[in-house]
């Protein structure tokens, strides 16, 4: 519990608490300057909201033709994956029957 508090909560608290965290990191990891607050915020958003930020990026920067190409490619991969799984399952079943 204290490790979670120390690594996740303490760096986000007001400056006096943040400085306690930084002084410890400076002694432990020889950190010269504290990480900027905005950098920590970006890291937290990317870490905890990865799919949401990715979806926003795709909605804004991918055009419909790119989406169509990706959808076709993914459908092909899905088909190949399912077929390969079925083929492998049949081969394994044949091996089991052959061992009897």
PDB file of N, CA and C in Angstrom:
ATOM      1  N   UNK A   1       0.825  -1.192   0.000  1.00  0.00           N
ATOM      2  CA  UNK A   1       0.000   0.000   0.000  1.00  0.00           C
ATOM      3  C   UNK A   1       0.872   1.258   0.000  1.00  0.00           C
ATOM      4  N   UNK A   2       1.893   1.277   0.839  1.00  0.00           N
ATOM      5  CA  UNK A   2       2.737   2.469   0.904  1.00  0.00           C
ATOM      6  C   UNK A   2       3.518   2.661  -0.387  1.00  0.00           C
ATOM      7  N   UNK A   3       3.878   1.577  -1.056  1.00  0.00           N
ATOM      8  CA  UNK A   3       4.612   1.714  -2.320  1.00  0.00           C
ATOM      9  C   UNK A   3       3.729   2.359  -3.383  1.00  0.00           C
ATOM     10  N   UNK A   4       2.479   1.916  -3.441  1.00  0.00           N
ATOM     11  CA  UNK A   4       1.548   2.519  -4.390  1.00  0.00           C
ATOM     12  C   UNK A   4       1.377   4.006  -4.078  1.00  0.00           C
ATOM     13  N   UNK A   5       1.175   4.321  -2.805  1.00  0.00           N
ATOM     14  CA  UNK A   5       1.005   5.711  -2.404  1.00  0.00           C
ATOM     15  C   UNK A   5       2.232   6.523  -2.780  1.00  0.00           C
ATOM     16  N   UNK A   6       3.397   5.964  -2.502  1.00  0.00           N
ATOM     17  CA  UNK A   6       4.636   6.685  -2.767  1.00  0.00           C
ATOM     18  C   UNK A   6       4.851   6.902  -4.262  1.00  0.00           C
ATOM     19  N   UNK A   7       4.621   5.882  -5.073  1.00  0.00           N
ATOM     20  CA  UNK A   7       4.929   6.001  -6.498  1.00  0.00           C
ATOM     21  C   UNK A   7       3.821   6.671  -7.305  1.00  0.00           C
ATOM     22  N   UNK A   8       2.570   6.517  -6.895  1.00  0.00           N
ATOM     23  CA  UNK A   8       1.463   7.037  -7.697  1.00  0.00           C
ATOM     24  C   UNK A   8       0.843   8.325  -7.157  1.00  0.00           C
ATOM     25  N   UNK A   9       0.725   8.435  -5.857  1.00  0.00           N
ATOM     26  CA  UNK A   9      -0.007   9.568  -5.281  1.00  0.00           C
ATOM     27  C   UNK A   9       0.920  10.714  -4.891  1.00  0.00           C
ATOM     28  N   UNK A  10       1.997  10.412  -4.222  1.00  0.00           N
ATOM     29  CA  UNK A  10       2.894  11.448  -3.705  1.00  0.00           C
ATOM     30  C   UNK A  10       3.393  12.413  -4.783  1.00  0.00           C
ATOM     31  N   UNK A  11       3.780  11.950  -5.968  1.00  0.00           N
ATOM     32  CA  UNK A  11       4.243  12.899  -6.983  1.00  0.00           C
ATOM     33  C   UNK A  11       3.162  13.868  -7.463  1.00  0.00           C
ATOM     34  N   UNK A  12       1.898  13.569  -7.215  1.00  0.00           N
ATOM     35  CA  UNK A  12       0.818  14.424  -7.695  1.00  0.00           C
ATOM     36  C   UNK A  12       0.294  15.387  -6.631  1.00  0.00           C
ATOM     37  N   UNK A  13       0.794  15.266  -5.428  1.00  0.00           N
ATOM     38  CA  UNK A  13       0.359  16.144  -4.344  1.00  0.00           C
ATOM     39  C   UNK A  13       1.031  17.512  -4.475  1.00  0.00           C
ATOM     40  N   UNK A  14       0.598  18.509  -3.682  1.00  0.00           N
ATOM     41  CA  UNK A  14       1.211  19.841  -3.745  1.00  0.00           C
ATOM     42  C   UNK A  14       2.727  19.797  -3.522  1.00  0.00           C
ATOM     43  N   UNK A  15       3.372  20.898  -3.878  1.00  0.00           N
ATOM     44  CA  UNK A  15       4.836  20.968  -3.920  1.00  0.00           C
ATOM     45  C   UNK A  15       5.584  20.479  -2.682  1.00  0.00           C
ATOM     46  N   UNK A  16       5.179  20.793  -1.466  1.00  0.00           N
ATOM     47  CA  UNK A  16       5.968  20.292  -0.325  1.00  0.00           C
ATOM     48  C   UNK A  16       6.067  18.764  -0.306  1.00  0.00           C
ATOM     49  N   UNK A  17       4.990  18.086  -0.646  1.00  0.00           N
ATOM     50  CA  UNK A  17       5.001  16.625  -0.678  1.00  0.00           C
ATOM     51  C   UNK A  17       5.768  16.114  -1.901  1.00  0.00           C
ATOM     52  N   UNK A  18       5.579  16.812  -3.001  1.00  0.00           N
ATOM     53  CA  UNK A  18       6.296  16.451  -4.220  1.00  0.00           C
ATOM     54  C   UNK A  18       7.804  16.546  -4.000  1.00  0.00           C
ATOM     55  N   UNK A  19       8.246  17.553  -3.272  1.00  0.00           N
ATOM     56  CA  UNK A  19       9.682  17.722  -3.029  1.00  0.00           C
ATOM     57  C   UNK A  19      10.237  16.603  -2.158  1.00  0.00           C
ATOM     58  N   UNK A  20       9.441  16.081  -1.242  1.00  0.00           N
ATOM     59  CA  UNK A  20       9.881  14.922  -0.454  1.00  0.00           C
ATOM     60  C   UNK A  20      10.158  13.756  -1.399  1.00  0.00           C
ATOM     61  N   UNK A  21       9.259  13.538  -2.329  1.00  0.00           N
ATOM     62  CA  UNK A  21       9.427  12.477  -3.318  1.00  0.00           C
ATOM     63  C   UNK A  21      10.675  12.727  -4.165  1.00  0.00           C
ATOM     64  N   UNK A  22      10.852  13.959  -4.619  1.00  0.00           N
ATOM     65  CA  UNK A  22      12.009  14.274  -5.453  1.00  0.00           C
ATOM     66  C   UNK A  22      13.319  14.112  -4.689  1.00  0.00           C
ATOM     67  N   UNK A  23      13.373  14.552  -3.449  1.00  0.00           N
ATOM     68  CA  UNK A  23      14.614  14.411  -2.666  1.00  0.00           C
ATOM     69  C   UNK A  23      14.993  12.942  -2.506  1.00  0.00           C
ATOM     70  N   UNK A  24      14.001  12.109  -2.320  1.00  0.00           N
ATOM     71  CA  UNK A  24      14.281  10.683  -2.209  1.00  0.00           C
ATOM     72  C   UNK A  24      14.829  10.141  -3.531  1.00  0.00           C
ATOM     73  N   UNK A  25      14.197  10.505  -4.643  1.00  0.00           N
ATOM     74  CA  UNK A  25      14.675  10.052  -5.951  1.00  0.00           C
ATOM     75  C   UNK A  25      16.062  10.603  -6.261  1.00  0.00           C
ATOM     76  N   UNK A  26      16.315  11.827  -5.836  1.00  0.00           N
ATOM     77  CA  UNK A  26      17.637  12.413  -6.066  1.00  0.00           C
ATOM     78  C   UNK A  26      18.705  11.617  -5.338  1.00  0.00           C
ATOM     79  N   UNK A  27      18.414  11.207  -4.104  1.00  0.00           N
ATOM     80  CA  UNK A  27      19.375  10.413  -3.336  1.00  0.00           C
ATOM     81  C   UNK A  27      19.482   8.991  -3.880  1.00  0.00           C
ATOM     82  N   UNK A  28      18.367   8.420  -4.271  1.00  0.00           N
ATOM     83  CA  UNK A  28      18.348   7.024  -4.699  1.00  0.00           C
ATOM     84  C   UNK A  28      18.837   6.831  -6.134  1.00  0.00           C
ATOM     85  N   UNK A  29      18.386   7.678  -7.042  1.00  0.00           N
ATOM     86  CA  UNK A  29      18.671   7.490  -8.468  1.00  0.00           C
ATOM     87  C   UNK A  29      19.557   8.572  -9.063  1.00  0.00           C
ATOM     88  N   UNK A  30      20.090   9.440  -8.229  1.00  0.00           N
ATOM     89  CA  UNK A  30      20.958  10.530  -8.679  1.00  0.00           C
ATOM     90  C   UNK A  30      20.248  11.422  -9.702  1.00  0.00           C
ATOM     91  N   UNK A  31      18.959  11.654  -9.467  1.00  0.00           N
ATOM     92  CA  UNK A  31      18.164  12.496 -10.356  1.00  0.00           C
ATOM     93  C   UNK A  31      18.546  13.951 -10.103  1.00  0.00           C
ATOM     94  N   UNK A  32      18.834  14.687 -11.170  1.00  0.00           N
ATOM     95  CA  UNK A  32      19.308  16.072 -11.030  1.00  0.00           C
ATOM     96  C   UNK A  32      18.171  17.080 -10.894  1.00  0.00           C
ATOM     97  N   UNK A  33      17.152  16.946 -11.723  1.00  0.00           N
ATOM     98  CA  UNK A  33      16.027  17.888 -11.686  1.00  0.00           C
ATOM     99  C   UNK A  33      14.726  17.098 -11.617  1.00  0.00           C
ATOM    100  N   UNK A  34      13.718  17.649 -10.970  1.00  0.00           N
ATOM    101  CA  UNK A  34      12.440  16.923 -10.897  1.00  0.00           C
ATOM    102  C   UNK A  34      11.751  16.916 -12.259  1.00  0.00           C
ATOM    103  N   UNK A  35      10.952  15.894 -12.465  1.00  0.00           N
ATOM    104  CA  UNK A  35      10.175  15.812 -13.698  1.00  0.00           C
ATOM    105  C   UNK A  35       9.105  16.899 -13.666  1.00  0.00           C
ATOM    106  N   UNK A  36       8.941  17.591 -14.770  1.00  0.00           N
ATOM    107  CA  UNK A  36       7.959  18.670 -14.829  1.00  0.00           C
ATOM    108  C   UNK A  36       6.545  18.119 -14.679  1.00  0.00           C
ATOM    109  N   UNK A  37       5.678  18.912 -14.072  1.00  0.00           N
ATOM    110  CA  UNK A  37       4.304  18.455 -13.819  1.00  0.00           C
ATOM    111  C   UNK A  37       3.574  18.096 -15.111  1.00  0.00           C
ATOM    112  N   UNK A  38       3.743  18.927 -16.141  1.00  0.00           N
ATOM    113  CA  UNK A  38       3.028  18.650 -17.384  1.00  0.00           C
ATOM    114  C   UNK A  38       3.501  17.337 -17.990  1.00  0.00           C
ATOM    115  N   UNK A  39       4.781  17.029 -17.838  1.00  0.00           N
ATOM    116  CA  UNK A  39       5.315  15.776 -18.372  1.00  0.00           C
ATOM    117  C   UNK A  39       4.709  14.591 -17.618  1.00  0.00           C
ATOM    118  N   UNK A  40       4.579  14.728 -16.313  1.00  0.00           N
ATOM    119  CA  UNK A  40       3.946  13.675 -15.510  1.00  0.00           C
ATOM    120  C   UNK A  40       2.487  13.481 -15.913  1.00  0.00           C
ATOM    121  N   UNK A  41       1.798  14.589 -16.175  1.00  0.00           N
ATOM    122  CA  UNK A  41       0.388  14.499 -16.579  1.00  0.00           C
ATOM    123  C   UNK A  41       0.247  13.768 -17.912  1.00  0.00           C
ATOM    124  N   UNK A  42       1.099  14.097 -18.871  1.00  0.00           N
ATOM    125  CA  UNK A  42       1.053  13.427 -20.174  1.00  0.00           C
ATOM    126  C   UNK A  42       1.339  11.944 -20.011  1.00  0.00           C
ATOM    127  N   UNK A  43       2.325  11.604 -19.188  1.00  0.00           N
ATOM    128  CA  UNK A  43       2.672  10.201 -18.958  1.00  0.00           C
ATOM    129  C   UNK A  43       1.501   9.454 -18.323  1.00  0.00           C
ATOM    130  N   UNK A  44       0.837  10.076 -17.361  1.00  0.00           N
ATOM    131  CA  UNK A  44      -0.307   9.442 -16.702  1.00  0.00           C
ATOM    132  C   UNK A  44      -1.462   9.217 -17.683  1.00  0.00           C
ATOM    133  N   UNK A  45      -1.740  10.213 -18.516  1.00  0.00           N
ATOM    134  CA  UNK A  45      -2.819  10.064 -19.499  1.00  0.00           C
ATOM    135  C   UNK A  45      -2.489   8.939 -20.468  1.00  0.00           C
ATOM    136  N   UNK A  46      -1.259   8.915 -20.968  1.00  0.00           N
ATOM    137  CA  UNK A  46      -0.867   7.854 -21.899  1.00  0.00           C
ATOM    138  C   UNK A  46      -0.899   6.489 -21.239  1.00  0.00           C
ATOM    139  N   UNK A  47      -0.540   6.421 -19.980  1.00  0.00           N
ATOM    140  CA  UNK A  47      -0.497   5.139 -19.276  1.00  0.00           C
ATOM    141  C   UNK A  47      -1.897   4.622 -18.955  1.00  0.00           C
ATOM    142  N   UNK A  48      -2.773   5.500 -18.508  1.00  0.00           N
ATOM    143  CA  UNK A  48      -4.075   5.053 -18.016  1.00  0.00           C
ATOM    144  C   UNK A  48      -5.206   5.183 -19.035  1.00  0.00           C
ATOM    145  N   UNK A  49      -4.989   5.953 -20.089  1.00  0.00           N
ATOM    146  CA  UNK A  49      -6.048   6.155 -21.078  1.00  0.00           C
ATOM    147  C   UNK A  49      -5.537   5.864 -22.481  1.00  0.00           C
ATOM    148  N   UNK A  50      -4.731   4.835 -22.608  1.00  0.00           N
ATOM    149  CA  UNK A  50      -4.070   4.536 -23.872  1.00  0.00           C
ATOM    150  C   UNK A  50      -5.064   4.335 -25.009  1.00  0.00           C
ATOM    151  N   UNK A  51      -6.083   3.537 -24.809  1.00  0.00           N
ATOM    152  CA  UNK A  51      -7.041   3.251 -25.880  1.00  0.00           C
ATOM    153  C   UNK A  51      -7.876   4.481 -26.228  1.00  0.00           C
ATOM    154  N   UNK A  52      -8.223   5.271 -25.226  1.00  0.00           N
ATOM    155  CA  UNK A  52      -9.027   6.467 -25.487  1.00  0.00           C
ATOM    156  C   UNK A  52      -8.228   7.492 -26.286  1.00  0.00           C
ATOM    157  N   UNK A  53      -6.969   7.722 -25.912  1.00  0.00           N
ATOM    158  CA  UNK A  53      -6.164   8.685 -26.663  1.00  0.00           C
ATOM    159  C   UNK A  53      -5.867   8.163 -28.062  1.00  0.00           C
ATOM    160  N   UNK A  54      -5.671   6.858 -28.197  1.00  0.00           N
ATOM    161  CA  UNK A  54      -5.461   6.271 -29.522  1.00  0.00           C
ATOM    162  C   UNK A  54      -6.686   6.441 -30.398  1.00  0.00           C
ATOM    163  N   UNK A  55      -7.866   6.235 -29.825  1.00  0.00           N
ATOM    164  CA  UNK A  55      -9.108   6.398 -30.587  1.00  0.00           C
ATOM    165  C   UNK A  55      -9.287   7.847 -31.031  1.00  0.00           C
ATOM    166  N   UNK A  56      -8.967   8.798 -30.157  1.00  0.00           N
ATOM    167  CA  UNK A  56      -9.060  10.209 -30.537  1.00  0.00           C
ATOM    168  C   UNK A  56      -8.103  10.530 -31.684  1.00  0.00           C
ATOM    169  N   UNK A  57      -6.891  10.007 -31.610  1.00  0.00           N
ATOM    170  CA  UNK A  57      -5.905  10.233 -32.671  1.00  0.00           C
ATOM    171  C   UNK A  57      -6.405   9.671 -33.999  1.00  0.00           C
ATOM    172  N   UNK A  58      -6.924   8.455 -33.968  1.00  0.00           N
ATOM    173  CA  UNK A  58      -7.410   7.820 -35.199  1.00  0.00           C
ATOM    174  C   UNK A  58      -8.577   8.607 -35.775  1.00  0.00           C
ATOM    175  N   UNK A  59      -9.505   9.029 -34.940  1.00  0.00           N
ATOM    176  CA  UNK A  59     -10.664   9.793 -35.431  1.00  0.00           C
ATOM    177  C   UNK A  59     -10.240  11.094 -36.099  1.00  0.00           C
ATOM    178  N   UNK A  60      -9.200  11.723 -35.565  1.00  0.00           N
ATOM    179  CA  UNK A  60      -8.804  13.023 -36.088  1.00  0.00           C
ATOM    180  C   UNK A  60      -7.914  12.912 -37.325  1.00  0.00           C
ATOM    181  N   UNK A  61      -7.008  11.941 -37.363  1.00  0.00           N
ATOM    182  CA  UNK A  61      -5.982  11.946 -38.402  1.00  0.00           C
ATOM    183  C   UNK A  61      -6.108  10.844 -39.454  1.00  0.00           C
ATOM    184  N   UNK A  62      -6.972   9.881 -39.279  1.00  0.00           N
ATOM    185  CA  UNK A  62      -7.125   8.823 -40.276  1.00  0.00           C
ATOM    186  C   UNK A  62      -8.325   9.138 -41.160  1.00  0.00           C
ATOM    187  N   UNK A  63      -8.113   9.098 -42.466  1.00  0.00           N
ATOM    188  CA  UNK A  63      -9.225   9.342 -43.378  1.00  0.00           C
ATOM    189  C   UNK A  63      -9.993   8.042 -43.619  1.00  0.00           C
ATOM    190  N   UNK A  64     -11.192   8.118 -44.176  1.00  0.00           N
ATOM    191  CA  UNK A  64     -12.016   6.911 -44.358  1.00  0.00           C
ATOM    192  C   UNK A  64     -11.366   5.834 -45.233  1.00  0.00           C
ATOM    193  N   UNK A  65     -10.585   6.230 -46.238  1.00  0.00           N
ATOM    194  CA  UNK A  65      -9.957   5.209 -47.093  1.00  0.00           C
ATOM    195  C   UNK A  65      -8.897   4.430 -46.314  1.00  0.00           C
ATOM    196  N   UNK A  66      -8.155   5.108 -45.430  1.00  0.00           N
ATOM    197  CA  UNK A  66      -7.171   4.403 -44.600  1.00  0.00           C
ATOM    198  C   UNK A  66      -7.884   3.451 -43.647  1.00  0.00           C
ATOM    199  N   UNK A  67      -9.012   3.900 -43.106  1.00  0.00           N
ATOM    200  CA  UNK A  67      -9.776   3.034 -42.211  1.00  0.00           C
ATOM    201  C   UNK A  67     -10.265   1.798 -42.963  1.00  0.00           C
ATOM    202  N   UNK A  68     -10.707   1.987 -44.197  1.00  0.00           N
ATOM    203  CA  UNK A  68     -11.183   0.863 -45.001  1.00  0.00           C
ATOM    204  C   UNK A  68     -10.051  -0.124 -45.269  1.00  0.00           C
ATOM    205  N   UNK A  69      -8.860   0.378 -45.613  1.00  0.00           N
ATOM    206  CA  UNK A  69      -7.716  -0.512 -45.878  1.00  0.00           C
ATOM    207  C   UNK A  69      -7.344  -1.303 -44.635  1.00  0.00           C
ATOM    208  N   UNK A  70      -7.326  -0.640 -43.484  1.00  0.00           N
ATOM    209  CA  UNK A  70      -6.994  -1.324 -42.232  1.00  0.00           C
ATOM    210  C   UNK A  70      -8.067  -2.352 -41.898  1.00  0.00           C
ATOM    211  N   UNK A  71      -9.334  -2.009 -42.114  1.00  0.00           N
ATOM    212  CA  UNK A  71     -10.420  -2.955 -41.831  1.00  0.00           C
ATOM    213  C   UNK A  71     -10.310  -4.199 -42.699  1.00  0.00           C
ATOM    214  N   UNK A  72      -9.977  -4.031 -43.975  1.00  0.00           N
ATOM    215  CA  UNK A  72      -9.817  -5.177 -44.878  1.00  0.00           C
ATOM    216  C   UNK A  72      -8.641  -6.038 -44.425  1.00  0.00           C
ATOM    217  N   UNK A  73      -7.535  -5.398 -44.074  1.00  0.00           N
ATOM    218  CA  UNK A  73      -6.358  -6.139 -43.610  1.00  0.00           C
ATOM    219  C   UNK A  73      -6.670  -6.918 -42.341  1.00  0.00           C
ATOM    220  N   UNK A  74      -7.333  -6.279 -41.392  1.00  0.00           N
ATOM    221  CA  UNK A  74      -7.674  -6.959 -40.141  1.00  0.00           C
ATOM    222  C   UNK A  74      -8.658  -8.098 -40.371  1.00  0.00           C
ATOM    223  N   UNK A  75      -9.596  -7.912 -41.282  1.00  0.00           N
ATOM    224  CA  UNK A  75     -10.535  -8.996 -41.585  1.00  0.00           C
ATOM    225  C   UNK A  75      -9.789 -10.188 -42.171  1.00  0.00           C
ATOM    226  N   UNK A  76      -8.815  -9.925 -43.047  1.00  0.00           N
ATOM    227  CA  UNK A  76      -8.006 -11.002 -43.606  1.00  0.00           C
ATOM    228  C   UNK A  76      -7.196 -11.715 -42.541  1.00  0.00           C
ATOM    229  N   UNK A  77      -6.594 -10.954 -41.634  1.00  0.00           N
ATOM    230  CA  UNK A  77      -5.834 -11.564 -40.541  1.00  0.00           C
ATOM    231  C   UNK A  77      -6.736 -12.403 -39.647  1.00  0.00           C
ATOM    232  N   UNK A  78      -7.917 -11.892 -39.370  1.00  0.00           N
ATOM    233  CA  UNK A  78      -8.872 -12.620 -38.538  1.00  0.00           C
ATOM    234  C   UNK A  78      -9.253 -13.941 -39.203  1.00  0.00           C
ATOM    235  N   UNK A  79      -9.531 -13.887 -40.498  1.00  0.00           N
ATOM    236  CA  UNK A  79      -9.882 -15.097 -41.247  1.00  0.00           C
ATOM    237  C   UNK A  79      -8.733 -16.105 -41.207  1.00  0.00           C
ATOM    238  N   UNK A  80      -7.506 -15.629 -41.463  1.00  0.00           N
ATOM    239  CA  UNK A  80      -6.348 -16.527 -41.447  1.00  0.00           C
ATOM    240  C   UNK A  80      -6.126 -17.123 -40.062  1.00  0.00           C
ATOM    241  N   UNK A  81      -6.288 -16.314 -39.035  1.00  0.00           N
ATOM    242  CA  UNK A  81      -6.094 -16.802 -37.672  1.00  0.00           C
ATOM    243  C   UNK A  81      -7.104 -17.903 -37.349  1.00  0.00           C
ATOM    244  N   UNK A  82      -8.368 -17.671 -37.672  1.00  0.00           N
ATOM    245  CA  UNK A  82      -9.410 -18.666 -37.395  1.00  0.00           C
ATOM    246  C   UNK A  82      -9.155 -19.933 -38.203  1.00  0.00           C
ATOM    247  N   UNK A  83      -8.824 -19.794 -39.483  1.00  0.00           N
ATOM    248  CA  UNK A  83      -8.547 -20.973 -40.316  1.00  0.00           C
ATOM    249  C   UNK A  83      -7.340 -21.739 -39.804  1.00  0.00           C
ATOM    250  N   UNK A  84      -6.275 -21.038 -39.443  1.00  0.00           N
ATOM    251  CA  UNK A  84      -5.066 -21.695 -38.952  1.00  0.00           C
ATOM    252  C   UNK A  84      -5.357 -22.431 -37.655  1.00  0.00           C
ATOM    253  N   UNK A  85      -6.149 -21.822 -36.809  1.00  0.00           N
ATOM    254  CA  UNK A  85      -6.501 -22.463 -35.543  1.00  0.00           C
ATOM    255  C   UNK A  85      -7.304 -23.739 -35.804  1.00  0.00           C
ATOM    256  N   UNK A  86      -8.224 -23.676 -36.761  1.00  0.00           N
ATOM    257  CA  UNK A  86      -9.034 -24.847 -37.102  1.00  0.00           C
ATOM    258  C   UNK A  86      -8.162 -25.942 -37.706  1.00  0.00           C
ATOM    259  N   UNK A  87      -7.242 -25.575 -38.595  1.00  0.00           N
ATOM    260  CA  UNK A  87      -6.345 -26.553 -39.217  1.00  0.00           C
ATOM    261  C   UNK A  87      -5.475 -27.203 -38.156  1.00  0.00           C
ATOM    262  N   UNK A  88      -4.895 -26.387 -37.266  1.00  0.00           N
ATOM    263  CA  UNK A  88      -4.053 -26.936 -36.199  1.00  0.00           C
ATOM    264  C   UNK A  88      -4.848 -27.864 -35.292  1.00  0.00           C
ATOM    265  N   UNK A  89      -6.089 -27.499 -35.006  1.00  0.00           N
ATOM    266  CA  UNK A  89      -6.927 -28.334 -34.149  1.00  0.00           C
ATOM    267  C   UNK A  89      -7.184 -29.681 -34.824  1.00  0.00           C
ATOM    268  N   UNK A  90      -7.469 -29.648 -36.141  1.00  0.00           N
ATOM    269  CA  UNK A  90      -7.704 -30.891 -36.882  1.00  0.00           C
ATOM    270  C   UNK A  90      -6.449 -31.756 -36.918  1.00  0.00           C
ATOM    271  N   UNK A  91      -5.278 -31.130 -37.118  1.00  0.00           N
ATOM    272  CA  UNK A  91      -4.021 -31.885 -37.150  1.00  0.00           C
ATOM    273  C   UNK A  91      -3.745 -32.538 -35.805  1.00  0.00           C
ATOM    274  N   UNK A  92      -3.976 -31.809 -34.737  1.00  0.00           N
ATOM    275  CA  UNK A  92      -3.744 -32.366 -33.400  1.00  0.00           C
ATOM    276  C   UNK A  92      -4.696 -33.526 -33.129  1.00  0.00           C
ATOM    277  N   UNK A  93      -5.933 -33.383 -33.585  1.00  0.00           N
ATOM    278  CA  UNK A  93      -6.902 -34.458 -33.384  1.00  0.00           C
ATOM    279  C   UNK A  93      -6.498 -35.700 -34.178  1.00  0.00           C
ATOM    280  N   UNK A  94      -5.985 -35.499 -35.392  1.00  0.00           N
ATOM    281  CA  UNK A  94      -5.505 -36.626 -36.194  1.00  0.00           C
ATOM    282  C   UNK A  94      -4.321 -37.308 -35.514  1.00  0.00           C
ATOM    283  N   UNK A  95      -3.428 -36.502 -34.913  1.00  0.00           N
ATOM    284  CA  UNK A  95      -2.286 -37.075 -34.201  1.00  0.00           C
ATOM    285  C   UNK A  95      -2.759 -37.912 -33.019  1.00  0.00           C
ATOM    286  N   UNK A  96      -3.751 -37.414 -32.293  1.00  0.00           N
ATOM    287  CA  UNK A  96      -4.276 -38.156 -31.145  1.00  0.00           C
ATOM    288  C   UNK A  96      -4.920 -39.466 -31.585  1.00  0.00           C
ATOM    289  N   UNK A  97      -5.681 -39.419 -32.662  1.00  0.00           N
ATOM    290  CA  UNK A  97      -6.338 -40.627 -33.164  1.00  0.00           C
ATOM    291  C   UNK A  97      -5.284 -41.616 -33.651  1.00  0.00           C
ATOM    292  N   UNK A  98      -4.229 -41.114 -34.299  1.00  0.00           N
ATOM    293  CA  UNK A  98      -3.173 -41.976 -34.803  1.00  0.00           C
ATOM    294  C   UNK A  98      -2.376 -42.650 -33.697  1.00  0.00           C
ATOM    295  N   UNK A  99      -2.283 -42.032 -32.524  1.00  0.00           N
ATOM    296  CA  UNK A  99      -1.526 -42.598 -31.403  1.00  0.00           C
ATOM    297  C   UNK A  99      -2.272 -43.732 -30.729  1.00  0.00           C
ATOM    298  N   UNK A 100      -3.559 -43.816 -30.914  1.00  0.00           N
ATOM    299  CA  UNK A 100      -4.362 -44.849 -30.241  1.00  0.00           C
ATOM    300  C   UNK A 100      -4.149 -46.183 -30.823  1.00  0.00           C
TER     301      UNK A 100
END
